[in-house]
């Protein structure tokens, strides 16, 4: 399983899995596409529909490149279809949690919550 600064989420609709993945590269792509910094994009109160669609597209594309780079590229229409099927808030939650995972990655091993006795 890949490790590092990664934030991943899976959204399931009618048995179909849609993966979004964010890495530092994907965050840079999102900034370039939206014209906003990552910290601006994490402001859930200020994120609009177009921002969410663009973030969703970036995340879907990063997941595609990571798992099956020969597969056809996703388009903005695919991102809109996912948002329409799942809903704004569930997609927003999945995307922002994935962004936070990348932004808070420190490179240190995580200690188990309850170490063995």
PDB file of N, CA and C in Angstrom:
ATOM      1  N   UNK A   1       0.837  -1.179   0.000  1.00  0.00           N
ATOM      2  CA  UNK A   1       0.000   0.000   0.000  1.00  0.00           C
ATOM      3  C   UNK A   1       0.881   1.241   0.000  1.00  0.00           C
ATOM      4  N   UNK A   2       0.646   2.168  -0.930  1.00  0.00           N
ATOM      5  CA  UNK A   2       1.462   3.377  -0.968  1.00  0.00           C
ATOM      6  C   UNK A   2       1.301   4.187   0.312  1.00  0.00           C
ATOM      7  N   UNK A   3       2.385   4.814   0.711  1.00  0.00           N
ATOM      8  CA  UNK A   3       2.343   5.660   1.900  1.00  0.00           C
ATOM      9  C   UNK A   3       2.843   7.043   1.522  1.00  0.00           C
ATOM     10  N   UNK A   4       2.850   7.910   2.484  1.00  0.00           N
ATOM     11  CA  UNK A   4       3.309   9.274   2.249  1.00  0.00           C
ATOM     12  C   UNK A   4       2.161  10.245   2.371  1.00  0.00           C
ATOM     13  N   UNK A   5       2.369  11.418   1.832  1.00  0.00           N
ATOM     14  CA  UNK A   5       1.364  12.476   1.908  1.00  0.00           C
ATOM     15  C   UNK A   5       0.251  12.174   0.917  1.00  0.00           C
ATOM     16  N   UNK A   6      -0.716  11.408   1.374  1.00  0.00           N
ATOM     17  CA  UNK A   6      -1.840  10.975   0.535  1.00  0.00           C
ATOM     18  C   UNK A   6      -3.129  11.101   1.332  1.00  0.00           C
ATOM     19  N   UNK A   7      -4.163  11.536   0.663  1.00  0.00           N
ATOM     20  CA  UNK A   7      -5.498  11.546   1.240  1.00  0.00           C
ATOM     21  C   UNK A   7      -6.423  10.880   0.246  1.00  0.00           C
ATOM     22  N   UNK A   8      -7.098   9.832   0.678  1.00  0.00           N
ATOM     23  CA  UNK A   8      -7.934   9.055  -0.229  1.00  0.00           C
ATOM     24  C   UNK A   8      -9.338   8.900   0.329  1.00  0.00           C
ATOM     25  N   UNK A   9     -10.293   8.806  -0.570  1.00  0.00           N
ATOM     26  CA  UNK A   9     -11.679   8.538  -0.178  1.00  0.00           C
ATOM     27  C   UNK A   9     -12.332   7.723  -1.285  1.00  0.00           C
ATOM     28  N   UNK A  10     -13.306   6.922  -0.888  1.00  0.00           N
ATOM     29  CA  UNK A  10     -14.078   6.135  -1.846  1.00  0.00           C
ATOM     30  C   UNK A  10     -15.541   6.486  -1.657  1.00  0.00           C
ATOM     31  N   UNK A  11     -16.184   6.844  -2.746  1.00  0.00           N
ATOM     32  CA  UNK A  11     -17.621   7.118  -2.746  1.00  0.00           C
ATOM     33  C   UNK A  11     -18.274   6.019  -3.572  1.00  0.00           C
ATOM     34  N   UNK A  12     -19.329   5.419  -3.050  1.00  0.00           N
ATOM     35  CA  UNK A  12     -19.993   4.323  -3.751  1.00  0.00           C
ATOM     36  C   UNK A  12     -21.411   4.729  -4.110  1.00  0.00           C
ATOM     37  N   UNK A  13     -21.761   4.513  -5.384  1.00  0.00           N
ATOM     38  CA  UNK A  13     -23.096   4.826  -5.889  1.00  0.00           C
ATOM     39  C   UNK A  13     -23.571   3.634  -6.699  1.00  0.00           C
ATOM     40  N   UNK A  14     -24.693   3.050  -6.303  1.00  0.00           N
ATOM     41  CA  UNK A  14     -25.270   1.918  -7.026  1.00  0.00           C
ATOM     42  C   UNK A  14     -24.237   0.832  -7.294  1.00  0.00           C
ATOM     43  N   UNK A  15     -23.417   0.536  -6.300  1.00  0.00           N
ATOM     44  CA  UNK A  15     -22.410  -0.506  -6.428  1.00  0.00           C
ATOM     45  C   UNK A  15     -21.155  -0.094  -7.175  1.00  0.00           C
ATOM     46  N   UNK A  16     -21.136   1.097  -7.734  1.00  0.00           N
ATOM     47  CA  UNK A  16     -19.965   1.605  -8.472  1.00  0.00           C
ATOM     48  C   UNK A  16     -19.092   2.408  -7.516  1.00  0.00           C
ATOM     49  N   UNK A  17     -17.798   2.083  -7.482  1.00  0.00           N
ATOM     50  CA  UNK A  17     -16.844   2.788  -6.616  1.00  0.00           C
ATOM     51  C   UNK A  17     -16.178   3.930  -7.375  1.00  0.00           C
ATOM     52  N   UNK A  18     -16.155   5.079  -6.746  1.00  0.00           N
ATOM     53  CA  UNK A  18     -15.455   6.239  -7.286  1.00  0.00           C
ATOM     54  C   UNK A  18     -14.391   6.630  -6.269  1.00  0.00           C
ATOM     55  N   UNK A  19     -13.151   6.638  -6.698  1.00  0.00           N
ATOM     56  CA  UNK A  19     -12.055   6.977  -5.800  1.00  0.00           C
ATOM     57  C   UNK A  19     -11.562   8.389  -6.078  1.00  0.00           C
ATOM     58  N   UNK A  20     -11.222   9.078  -5.006  1.00  0.00           N
ATOM     59  CA  UNK A  20     -10.525  10.356  -5.124  1.00  0.00           C
ATOM     60  C   UNK A  20      -9.231  10.232  -4.328  1.00  0.00           C
ATOM     61  N   UNK A  21      -8.187  10.793  -4.867  1.00  0.00           N
ATOM     62  CA  UNK A  21      -6.873  10.741  -4.239  1.00  0.00           C
ATOM     63  C   UNK A  21      -6.249  12.122  -4.330  1.00  0.00           C
ATOM     64  N   UNK A  22      -5.700  12.561  -3.230  1.00  0.00           N
ATOM     65  CA  UNK A  22      -4.955  13.813  -3.234  1.00  0.00           C
ATOM     66  C   UNK A  22      -3.549  13.549  -2.721  1.00  0.00           C
ATOM     67  N   UNK A  23      -2.590  14.108  -3.418  1.00  0.00           N
ATOM     68  CA  UNK A  23      -1.180  14.111  -3.066  1.00  0.00           C
ATOM     69  C   UNK A  23      -0.729  15.566  -3.176  1.00  0.00           C
ATOM     70  N   UNK A  24       0.524  15.829  -2.869  1.00  0.00           N
ATOM     71  CA  UNK A  24       1.011  17.207  -3.035  1.00  0.00           C
ATOM     72  C   UNK A  24       0.904  17.644  -4.491  1.00  0.00           C
ATOM     73  N   UNK A  25       1.185  16.738  -5.415  1.00  0.00           N
ATOM     74  CA  UNK A  25       1.053  17.066  -6.841  1.00  0.00           C
ATOM     75  C   UNK A  25      -0.396  17.423  -7.174  1.00  0.00           C
ATOM     76  N   UNK A  26      -1.332  16.626  -6.670  1.00  0.00           N
ATOM     77  CA  UNK A  26      -2.748  16.890  -6.936  1.00  0.00           C
ATOM     78  C   UNK A  26      -3.177  18.226  -6.324  1.00  0.00           C
ATOM     79  N   UNK A  27      -2.640  18.553  -5.151  1.00  0.00           N
ATOM     80  CA  UNK A  27      -2.973  19.844  -4.540  1.00  0.00           C
ATOM     81  C   UNK A  27      -2.484  20.993  -5.418  1.00  0.00           C
ATOM     82  N   UNK A  28      -1.289  20.855  -5.977  1.00  0.00           N
ATOM     83  CA  UNK A  28      -0.770  21.890  -6.878  1.00  0.00           C
ATOM     84  C   UNK A  28      -1.644  21.997  -8.127  1.00  0.00           C
ATOM     85  N   UNK A  29      -2.103  20.862  -8.643  1.00  0.00           N
ATOM     86  CA  UNK A  29      -2.994  20.880  -9.803  1.00  0.00           C
ATOM     87  C   UNK A  29      -4.318  21.562  -9.464  1.00  0.00           C
ATOM     88  N   UNK A  30      -4.826  21.310  -8.257  1.00  0.00           N
ATOM     89  CA  UNK A  30      -6.079  21.938  -7.828  1.00  0.00           C
ATOM     90  C   UNK A  30      -5.912  23.451  -7.707  1.00  0.00           C
ATOM     91  N   UNK A  31      -4.779  23.884  -7.150  1.00  0.00           N
ATOM     92  CA  UNK A  31      -4.527  25.324  -7.052  1.00  0.00           C
ATOM     93  C   UNK A  31      -4.477  25.963  -8.439  1.00  0.00           C
ATOM     94  N   UNK A  32      -3.790  25.310  -9.367  1.00  0.00           N
ATOM     95  CA  UNK A  32      -3.672  25.858 -10.724  1.00  0.00           C
ATOM     96  C   UNK A  32      -5.030  25.917 -11.415  1.00  0.00           C
ATOM     97  N   UNK A  33      -5.838  24.897 -11.212  1.00  0.00           N
ATOM     98  CA  UNK A  33      -7.137  24.825 -11.875  1.00  0.00           C
ATOM     99  C   UNK A  33      -8.135  25.829 -11.304  1.00  0.00           C
ATOM    100  N   UNK A  34      -8.119  26.003  -9.983  1.00  0.00           N
ATOM    101  CA  UNK A  34      -9.112  26.867  -9.342  1.00  0.00           C
ATOM    102  C   UNK A  34      -8.646  28.309  -9.162  1.00  0.00           C
ATOM    103  N   UNK A  35      -7.338  28.525  -9.186  1.00  0.00           N
ATOM    104  CA  UNK A  35      -6.822  29.864  -8.917  1.00  0.00           C
ATOM    105  C   UNK A  35      -6.859  30.216  -7.442  1.00  0.00           C
ATOM    106  N   UNK A  36      -7.044  29.212  -6.587  1.00  0.00           N
ATOM    107  CA  UNK A  36      -7.092  29.429  -5.140  1.00  0.00           C
ATOM    108  C   UNK A  36      -6.013  28.592  -4.473  1.00  0.00           C
ATOM    109  N   UNK A  37      -5.559  29.054  -3.299  1.00  0.00           N
ATOM    110  CA  UNK A  37      -4.603  28.260  -2.534  1.00  0.00           C
ATOM    111  C   UNK A  37      -5.338  27.114  -1.853  1.00  0.00           C
ATOM    112  N   UNK A  38      -4.576  26.128  -1.407  1.00  0.00           N
ATOM    113  CA  UNK A  38      -5.187  24.993  -0.720  1.00  0.00           C
ATOM    114  C   UNK A  38      -5.902  25.457   0.542  1.00  0.00           C
ATOM    115  N   UNK A  39      -5.323  26.402   1.263  1.00  0.00           N
ATOM    116  CA  UNK A  39      -5.992  26.870   2.478  1.00  0.00           C
ATOM    117  C   UNK A  39      -7.312  27.553   2.151  1.00  0.00           C
ATOM    118  N   UNK A  40      -7.384  28.253   1.029  1.00  0.00           N
ATOM    119  CA  UNK A  40      -8.666  28.830   0.607  1.00  0.00           C
ATOM    120  C   UNK A  40      -9.659  27.727   0.246  1.00  0.00           C
ATOM    121  N   UNK A  41      -9.167  26.677  -0.390  1.00  0.00           N
ATOM    122  CA  UNK A  41     -10.045  25.574  -0.780  1.00  0.00           C
ATOM    123  C   UNK A  41     -10.550  24.781   0.424  1.00  0.00           C
ATOM    124  N   UNK A  42      -9.815  24.828   1.523  1.00  0.00           N
ATOM    125  CA  UNK A  42     -10.246  24.124   2.733  1.00  0.00           C
ATOM    126  C   UNK A  42     -11.295  24.894   3.527  1.00  0.00           C
ATOM    127  N   UNK A  43     -11.556  26.121   3.161  1.00  0.00           N
ATOM    128  CA  UNK A  43     -12.590  26.918   3.824  1.00  0.00           C
ATOM    129  C   UNK A  43     -13.947  26.461   3.298  1.00  0.00           C
ATOM    130  N   UNK A  44     -14.540  25.492   3.981  1.00  0.00           N
ATOM    131  CA  UNK A  44     -15.782  24.873   3.511  1.00  0.00           C
ATOM    132  C   UNK A  44     -16.915  25.878   3.362  1.00  0.00           C
ATOM    133  N   UNK A  45     -16.879  26.952   4.138  1.00  0.00           N
ATOM    134  CA  UNK A  45     -17.950  27.945   4.045  1.00  0.00           C
ATOM    135  C   UNK A  45     -17.842  28.768   2.763  1.00  0.00           C
ATOM    136  N   UNK A  46     -16.656  28.791   2.161  1.00  0.00           N
ATOM    137  CA  UNK A  46     -16.449  29.629   0.981  1.00  0.00           C
ATOM    138  C   UNK A  46     -16.311  28.836  -0.314  1.00  0.00           C
ATOM    139  N   UNK A  47     -16.378  27.518  -0.245  1.00  0.00           N
ATOM    140  CA  UNK A  47     -16.195  26.717  -1.457  1.00  0.00           C
ATOM    141  C   UNK A  47     -17.498  26.680  -2.251  1.00  0.00           C
ATOM    142  N   UNK A  48     -17.370  26.900  -3.539  1.00  0.00           N
ATOM    143  CA  UNK A  48     -18.541  26.902  -4.413  1.00  0.00           C
ATOM    144  C   UNK A  48     -18.667  25.600  -5.186  1.00  0.00           C
ATOM    145  N   UNK A  49     -19.741  25.503  -5.927  1.00  0.00           N
ATOM    146  CA  UNK A  49     -19.999  24.301  -6.719  1.00  0.00           C
ATOM    147  C   UNK A  49     -18.889  24.047  -7.739  1.00  0.00           C
ATOM    148  N   UNK A  50     -18.450  25.093  -8.423  1.00  0.00           N
ATOM    149  CA  UNK A  50     -17.412  24.914  -9.441  1.00  0.00           C
ATOM    150  C   UNK A  50     -16.103  24.472  -8.810  1.00  0.00           C
ATOM    151  N   UNK A  51     -15.770  25.053  -7.646  1.00  0.00           N
ATOM    152  CA  UNK A  51     -14.563  24.623  -6.937  1.00  0.00           C
ATOM    153  C   UNK A  51     -14.650  23.143  -6.590  1.00  0.00           C
ATOM    154  N   UNK A  52     -15.793  22.719  -6.066  1.00  0.00           N
ATOM    155  CA  UNK A  52     -15.938  21.320  -5.678  1.00  0.00           C
ATOM    156  C   UNK A  52     -15.839  20.407  -6.896  1.00  0.00           C
ATOM    157  N   UNK A  53     -16.444  20.788  -7.996  1.00  0.00           N
ATOM    158  CA  UNK A  53     -16.354  19.968  -9.208  1.00  0.00           C
ATOM    159  C   UNK A  53     -14.901  19.864  -9.679  1.00  0.00           C
ATOM    160  N   UNK A  54     -14.180  20.970  -9.651  1.00  0.00           N
ATOM    161  CA  UNK A  54     -12.777  20.943 -10.064  1.00  0.00           C
ATOM    162  C   UNK A  54     -11.922  20.105  -9.117  1.00  0.00           C
ATOM    163  N   UNK A  55     -12.147  20.232  -7.818  1.00  0.00           N
ATOM    164  CA  UNK A  55     -11.419  19.411  -6.850  1.00  0.00           C
ATOM    165  C   UNK A  55     -11.732  17.931  -7.042  1.00  0.00           C
ATOM    166  N   UNK A  56     -12.997  17.634  -7.278  1.00  0.00           N
ATOM    167  CA  UNK A  56     -13.403  16.247  -7.492  1.00  0.00           C
ATOM    168  C   UNK A  56     -12.716  15.683  -8.727  1.00  0.00           C
ATOM    169  N   UNK A  57     -12.680  16.461  -9.785  1.00  0.00           N
ATOM    170  CA  UNK A  57     -12.000  16.027 -11.008  1.00  0.00           C
ATOM    171  C   UNK A  57     -10.516  15.765 -10.746  1.00  0.00           C
ATOM    172  N   UNK A  58      -9.851  16.670 -10.063  1.00  0.00           N
ATOM    173  CA  UNK A  58      -8.428  16.485  -9.761  1.00  0.00           C
ATOM    174  C   UNK A  58      -8.220  15.212  -8.945  1.00  0.00           C
ATOM    175  N   UNK A  59      -9.069  14.992  -7.943  1.00  0.00           N
ATOM    176  CA  UNK A  59      -8.948  13.798  -7.109  1.00  0.00           C
ATOM    177  C   UNK A  59      -9.223  12.511  -7.867  1.00  0.00           C
ATOM    178  N   UNK A  60     -10.236  12.531  -8.735  1.00  0.00           N
ATOM    179  CA  UNK A  60     -10.548  11.347  -9.544  1.00  0.00           C
ATOM    180  C   UNK A  60      -9.401  11.042 -10.508  1.00  0.00           C
ATOM    181  N   UNK A  61      -8.840  12.077 -11.101  1.00  0.00           N
ATOM    182  CA  UNK A  61      -7.733  11.897 -12.044  1.00  0.00           C
ATOM    183  C   UNK A  61      -6.481  11.376 -11.345  1.00  0.00           C
ATOM    184  N   UNK A  62      -6.189  11.892 -10.158  1.00  0.00           N
ATOM    185  CA  UNK A  62      -5.022  11.411  -9.414  1.00  0.00           C
ATOM    186  C   UNK A  62      -5.196   9.932  -9.066  1.00  0.00           C
ATOM    187  N   UNK A  63      -6.404   9.545  -8.678  1.00  0.00           N
ATOM    188  CA  UNK A  63      -6.674   8.134  -8.373  1.00  0.00           C
ATOM    189  C   UNK A  63      -6.527   7.276  -9.625  1.00  0.00           C
ATOM    190  N   UNK A  64      -7.011   7.769 -10.749  1.00  0.00           N
ATOM    191  CA  UNK A  64      -6.890   7.019 -12.005  1.00  0.00           C
ATOM    192  C   UNK A  64      -5.422   6.817 -12.369  1.00  0.00           C
ATOM    193  N   UNK A  65      -4.641   7.875 -12.285  1.00  0.00           N
ATOM    194  CA  UNK A  65      -3.208   7.768 -12.604  1.00  0.00           C
ATOM    195  C   UNK A  65      -2.505   6.790 -11.679  1.00  0.00           C
ATOM    196  N   UNK A  66      -2.938   6.758 -10.422  1.00  0.00           N
ATOM    197  CA  UNK A  66      -2.310   5.903  -9.419  1.00  0.00           C
ATOM    198  C   UNK A  66      -2.670   4.429  -9.615  1.00  0.00           C
ATOM    199  N   UNK A  67      -3.894   4.154 -10.020  1.00  0.00           N
ATOM    200  CA  UNK A  67      -4.352   2.764 -10.099  1.00  0.00           C
ATOM    201  C   UNK A  67      -4.361   2.186 -11.501  1.00  0.00           C
ATOM    202  N   UNK A  68      -4.686   2.985 -12.507  1.00  0.00           N
ATOM    203  CA  UNK A  68      -4.811   2.473 -13.876  1.00  0.00           C
ATOM    204  C   UNK A  68      -4.565   3.595 -14.883  1.00  0.00           C
ATOM    205  N   UNK A  69      -3.291   3.975 -15.075  1.00  0.00           N
ATOM    206  CA  UNK A  69      -2.999   5.129 -15.930  1.00  0.00           C
ATOM    207  C   UNK A  69      -3.410   4.959 -17.393  1.00  0.00           C
ATOM    208  N   UNK A  70      -3.658   3.736 -17.839  1.00  0.00           N
ATOM    209  CA  UNK A  70      -4.073   3.532 -19.231  1.00  0.00           C
ATOM    210  C   UNK A  70      -5.569   3.744 -19.432  1.00  0.00           C
ATOM    211  N   UNK A  71      -6.298   3.811 -18.351  1.00  0.00           N
ATOM    212  CA  UNK A  71      -7.744   4.043 -18.432  1.00  0.00           C
ATOM    213  C   UNK A  71      -8.011   5.456 -18.956  1.00  0.00           C
ATOM    214  N   UNK A  72      -9.153   5.638 -19.594  1.00  0.00           N
ATOM    215  CA  UNK A  72      -9.515   6.957 -20.133  1.00  0.00           C
ATOM    216  C   UNK A  72      -9.553   8.000 -19.016  1.00  0.00           C
ATOM    217  N   UNK A  73      -9.131   9.208 -19.355  1.00  0.00           N
ATOM    218  CA  UNK A  73      -9.133  10.300 -18.377  1.00  0.00           C
ATOM    219  C   UNK A  73     -10.555  10.691 -18.006  1.00  0.00           C
ATOM    220  N   UNK A  74     -10.691  11.135 -16.772  1.00  0.00           N
ATOM    221  CA  UNK A  74     -11.970  11.678 -16.334  1.00  0.00           C
ATOM    222  C   UNK A  74     -12.126  13.090 -16.884  1.00  0.00           C
ATOM    223  N   UNK A  75     -13.361  13.522 -17.009  1.00  0.00           N
ATOM    224  CA  UNK A  75     -13.663  14.877 -17.463  1.00  0.00           C
ATOM    225  C   UNK A  75     -14.443  15.598 -16.371  1.00  0.00           C
ATOM    226  N   UNK A  76     -14.626  16.887 -16.552  1.00  0.00           N
ATOM    227  CA  UNK A  76     -15.422  17.652 -15.590  1.00  0.00           C
ATOM    228  C   UNK A  76     -16.853  17.126 -15.555  1.00  0.00           C
ATOM    229  N   UNK A  77     -17.346  16.600 -16.673  1.00  0.00           N
ATOM    230  CA  UNK A  77     -18.696  16.019 -16.697  1.00  0.00           C
ATOM    231  C   UNK A  77     -18.781  14.813 -15.767  1.00  0.00           C
ATOM    232  N   UNK A  78     -17.712  14.027 -15.671  1.00  0.00           N
ATOM    233  CA  UNK A  78     -17.697  12.886 -14.749  1.00  0.00           C
ATOM    234  C   UNK A  78     -17.767  13.363 -13.299  1.00  0.00           C
ATOM    235  N   UNK A  79     -17.056  14.439 -13.000  1.00  0.00           N
ATOM    236  CA  UNK A  79     -17.092  14.990 -11.641  1.00  0.00           C
ATOM    237  C   UNK A  79     -18.493  15.493 -11.306  1.00  0.00           C
ATOM    238  N   UNK A  80     -19.123  16.202 -12.245  1.00  0.00           N
ATOM    239  CA  UNK A  80     -20.492  16.686 -12.015  1.00  0.00           C
ATOM    240  C   UNK A  80     -21.454  15.513 -11.832  1.00  0.00           C
ATOM    241  N   UNK A  81     -21.298  14.461 -12.629  1.00  0.00           N
ATOM    242  CA  UNK A  81     -22.165  13.283 -12.485  1.00  0.00           C
ATOM    243  C   UNK A  81     -22.049  12.692 -11.086  1.00  0.00           C
ATOM    244  N   UNK A  82     -20.822  12.599 -10.576  1.00  0.00           N
ATOM    245  CA  UNK A  82     -20.623  12.056  -9.235  1.00  0.00           C
ATOM    246  C   UNK A  82     -21.284  12.949  -8.189  1.00  0.00           C
ATOM    247  N   UNK A  83     -21.098  14.249  -8.299  1.00  0.00           N
ATOM    248  CA  UNK A  83     -21.713  15.178  -7.341  1.00  0.00           C
ATOM    249  C   UNK A  83     -23.234  15.076  -7.407  1.00  0.00           C
ATOM    250  N   UNK A  84     -23.786  14.964  -8.611  1.00  0.00           N
ATOM    251  CA  UNK A  84     -25.238  14.828  -8.757  1.00  0.00           C
ATOM    252  C   UNK A  84     -25.745  13.532  -8.132  1.00  0.00           C
ATOM    253  N   UNK A  85     -24.990  12.458  -8.272  1.00  0.00           N
ATOM    254  CA  UNK A  85     -25.416  11.157  -7.742  1.00  0.00           C
ATOM    255  C   UNK A  85     -25.279  11.074  -6.227  1.00  0.00           C
ATOM    256  N   UNK A  86     -24.181  11.603  -5.695  1.00  0.00           N
ATOM    257  CA  UNK A  86     -23.879  11.453  -4.269  1.00  0.00           C
ATOM    258  C   UNK A  86     -24.400  12.622  -3.443  1.00  0.00           C
ATOM    259  N   UNK A  87     -24.339  13.806  -3.995  1.00  0.00           N
ATOM    260  CA  UNK A  87     -24.752  15.002  -3.268  1.00  0.00           C
ATOM    261  C   UNK A  87     -23.563  15.872  -2.915  1.00  0.00           C
ATOM    262  N   UNK A  88     -23.816  17.161  -2.810  1.00  0.00           N
ATOM    263  CA  UNK A  88     -22.767  18.148  -2.545  1.00  0.00           C
ATOM    264  C   UNK A  88     -22.023  17.857  -1.245  1.00  0.00           C
ATOM    265  N   UNK A  89     -22.751  17.719  -0.129  1.00  0.00           N
ATOM    266  CA  UNK A  89     -22.093  17.585   1.175  1.00  0.00           C
ATOM    267  C   UNK A  89     -21.269  16.308   1.312  1.00  0.00           C
ATOM    268  N   UNK A  90     -21.763  15.129   0.887  1.00  0.00           N
ATOM    269  CA  UNK A  90     -20.906  13.938   0.997  1.00  0.00           C
ATOM    270  C   UNK A  90     -19.622  14.047   0.168  1.00  0.00           C
ATOM    271  N   UNK A  91     -19.718  14.630  -1.019  1.00  0.00           N
ATOM    272  CA  UNK A  91     -18.514  14.797  -1.842  1.00  0.00           C
ATOM    273  C   UNK A  91     -17.594  15.827  -1.198  1.00  0.00           C
ATOM    274  N   UNK A  92     -18.155  16.929  -0.722  1.00  0.00           N
ATOM    275  CA  UNK A  92     -17.349  17.948  -0.049  1.00  0.00           C
ATOM    276  C   UNK A  92     -16.618  17.354   1.151  1.00  0.00           C
ATOM    277  N   UNK A  93     -17.312  16.555   1.941  1.00  0.00           N
ATOM    278  CA  UNK A  93     -16.706  15.928   3.119  1.00  0.00           C
ATOM    279  C   UNK A  93     -15.539  15.023   2.696  1.00  0.00           C
ATOM    280  N   UNK A  94     -15.763  14.170   1.703  1.00  0.00           N
ATOM    281  CA  UNK A  94     -14.718  13.246   1.245  1.00  0.00           C
ATOM    282  C   UNK A  94     -13.502  14.006   0.718  1.00  0.00           C
ATOM    283  N   UNK A  95     -13.757  15.036  -0.067  1.00  0.00           N
ATOM    284  CA  UNK A  95     -12.665  15.811  -0.664  1.00  0.00           C
ATOM    285  C   UNK A  95     -11.892  16.572   0.407  1.00  0.00           C
ATOM    286  N   UNK A  96     -12.583  17.265   1.302  1.00  0.00           N
ATOM    287  CA  UNK A  96     -11.868  18.072   2.299  1.00  0.00           C
ATOM    288  C   UNK A  96     -11.110  17.189   3.285  1.00  0.00           C
ATOM    289  N   UNK A  97     -11.673  16.053   3.677  1.00  0.00           N
ATOM    290  CA  UNK A  97     -10.944  15.148   4.571  1.00  0.00           C
ATOM    291  C   UNK A  97      -9.678  14.628   3.894  1.00  0.00           C
ATOM    292  N   UNK A  98      -9.758  14.377   2.599  1.00  0.00           N
ATOM    293  CA  UNK A  98      -8.581  13.918   1.856  1.00  0.00           C
ATOM    294  C   UNK A  98      -7.532  15.020   1.750  1.00  0.00           C
ATOM    295  N   UNK A  99      -7.980  16.254   1.519  1.00  0.00           N
ATOM    296  CA  UNK A  99      -7.052  17.386   1.465  1.00  0.00           C
ATOM    297  C   UNK A  99      -6.345  17.571   2.806  1.00  0.00           C
ATOM    298  N   UNK A 100      -7.097  17.478   3.885  1.00  0.00           N
ATOM    299  CA  UNK A 100      -6.525  17.643   5.225  1.00  0.00           C
ATOM    300  C   UNK A 100      -5.479  16.565   5.496  1.00  0.00           C
ATOM    301  N   UNK A 101      -5.733  15.335   5.058  1.00  0.00           N
ATOM    302  CA  UNK A 101      -4.772  14.248   5.276  1.00  0.00           C
ATOM    303  C   UNK A 101      -3.423  14.564   4.633  1.00  0.00           C
ATOM    304  N   UNK A 102      -3.445  15.159   3.456  1.00  0.00           N
ATOM    305  CA  UNK A 102      -2.195  15.529   2.783  1.00  0.00           C
ATOM    306  C   UNK A 102      -1.529  16.685   3.520  1.00  0.00           C
ATOM    307  N   UNK A 103      -2.305  17.690   3.858  1.00  0.00           N
ATOM    308  CA  UNK A 103      -1.753  18.893   4.482  1.00  0.00           C
ATOM    309  C   UNK A 103      -1.177  18.626   5.871  1.00  0.00           C
ATOM    310  N   UNK A 104      -1.693  17.636   6.577  1.00  0.00           N
ATOM    311  CA  UNK A 104      -1.237  17.371   7.943  1.00  0.00           C
ATOM    312  C   UNK A 104      -0.225  16.236   8.024  1.00  0.00           C
ATOM    313  N   UNK A 105       0.127  15.641   6.898  1.00  0.00           N
ATOM    314  CA  UNK A 105       1.099  14.550   6.903  1.00  0.00           C
ATOM    315  C   UNK A 105       2.446  15.081   7.371  1.00  0.00           C
ATOM    316  N   UNK A 106       3.070  14.356   8.309  1.00  0.00           N
ATOM    317  CA  UNK A 106       4.346  14.819   8.855  1.00  0.00           C
ATOM    318  C   UNK A 106       5.504  13.893   8.521  1.00  0.00           C
ATOM    319  N   UNK A 107       5.236  12.749   7.930  1.00  0.00           N
ATOM    320  CA  UNK A 107       6.301  11.818   7.594  1.00  0.00           C
ATOM    321  C   UNK A 107       6.721  10.940   8.747  1.00  0.00           C
ATOM    322  N   UNK A 108       6.103  11.127   9.890  1.00  0.00           N
ATOM    323  CA  UNK A 108       6.446  10.330  11.063  1.00  0.00           C
ATOM    324  C   UNK A 108       5.514   9.138  11.161  1.00  0.00           C
ATOM    325  N   UNK A 109       6.034   8.046  11.705  1.00  0.00           N
ATOM    326  CA  UNK A 109       5.210   6.863  11.934  1.00  0.00           C
ATOM    327  C   UNK A 109       4.129   7.198  12.954  1.00  0.00           C
ATOM    328  N   UNK A 110       2.928   6.746  12.667  1.00  0.00           N
ATOM    329  CA  UNK A 110       1.824   6.958  13.596  1.00  0.00           C
ATOM    330  C   UNK A 110       1.841   5.864  14.661  1.00  0.00           C
ATOM    331  N   UNK A 111       1.707   6.251  15.903  1.00  0.00           N
ATOM    332  CA  UNK A 111       1.634   5.299  17.010  1.00  0.00           C
ATOM    333  C   UNK A 111       0.228   4.738  17.081  1.00  0.00           C
ATOM    334  N   UNK A 112       0.079   3.443  17.378  1.00  0.00           N
ATOM    335  CA  UNK A 112      -1.273   2.908  17.553  1.00  0.00           C
ATOM    336  C   UNK A 112      -1.971   3.606  18.711  1.00  0.00           C
ATOM    337  N   UNK A 113      -3.275   3.782  18.593  1.00  0.00           N
ATOM    338  CA  UNK A 113      -4.050   4.462  19.640  1.00  0.00           C
ATOM    339  C   UNK A 113      -3.973   3.700  20.956  1.00  0.00           C
ATOM    340  N   UNK A 114      -4.060   2.386  20.902  1.00  0.00           N
ATOM    341  CA  UNK A 114      -3.981   1.538  22.097  1.00  0.00           C
ATOM    342  C   UNK A 114      -2.837   0.546  21.906  1.00  0.00           C
ATOM    343  N   UNK A 115      -1.635   0.864  22.397  1.00  0.00           N
ATOM    344  CA  UNK A 115      -0.521  -0.060  22.216  1.00  0.00           C
ATOM    345  C   UNK A 115      -0.806  -1.396  22.896  1.00  0.00           C
ATOM    346  N   UNK A 116      -0.278  -2.494  22.335  1.00  0.00           N
ATOM    347  CA  UNK A 116      -0.517  -3.806  22.953  1.00  0.00           C
ATOM    348  C   UNK A 116       0.050  -3.854  24.364  1.00  0.00           C
ATOM    349  N   UNK A 117      -0.627  -4.581  25.222  1.00  0.00           N
ATOM    350  CA  UNK A 117      -0.195  -4.677  26.626  1.00  0.00           C
ATOM    351  C   UNK A 117       0.894  -5.700  26.799  1.00  0.00           C
TER     352      UNK A 117
END
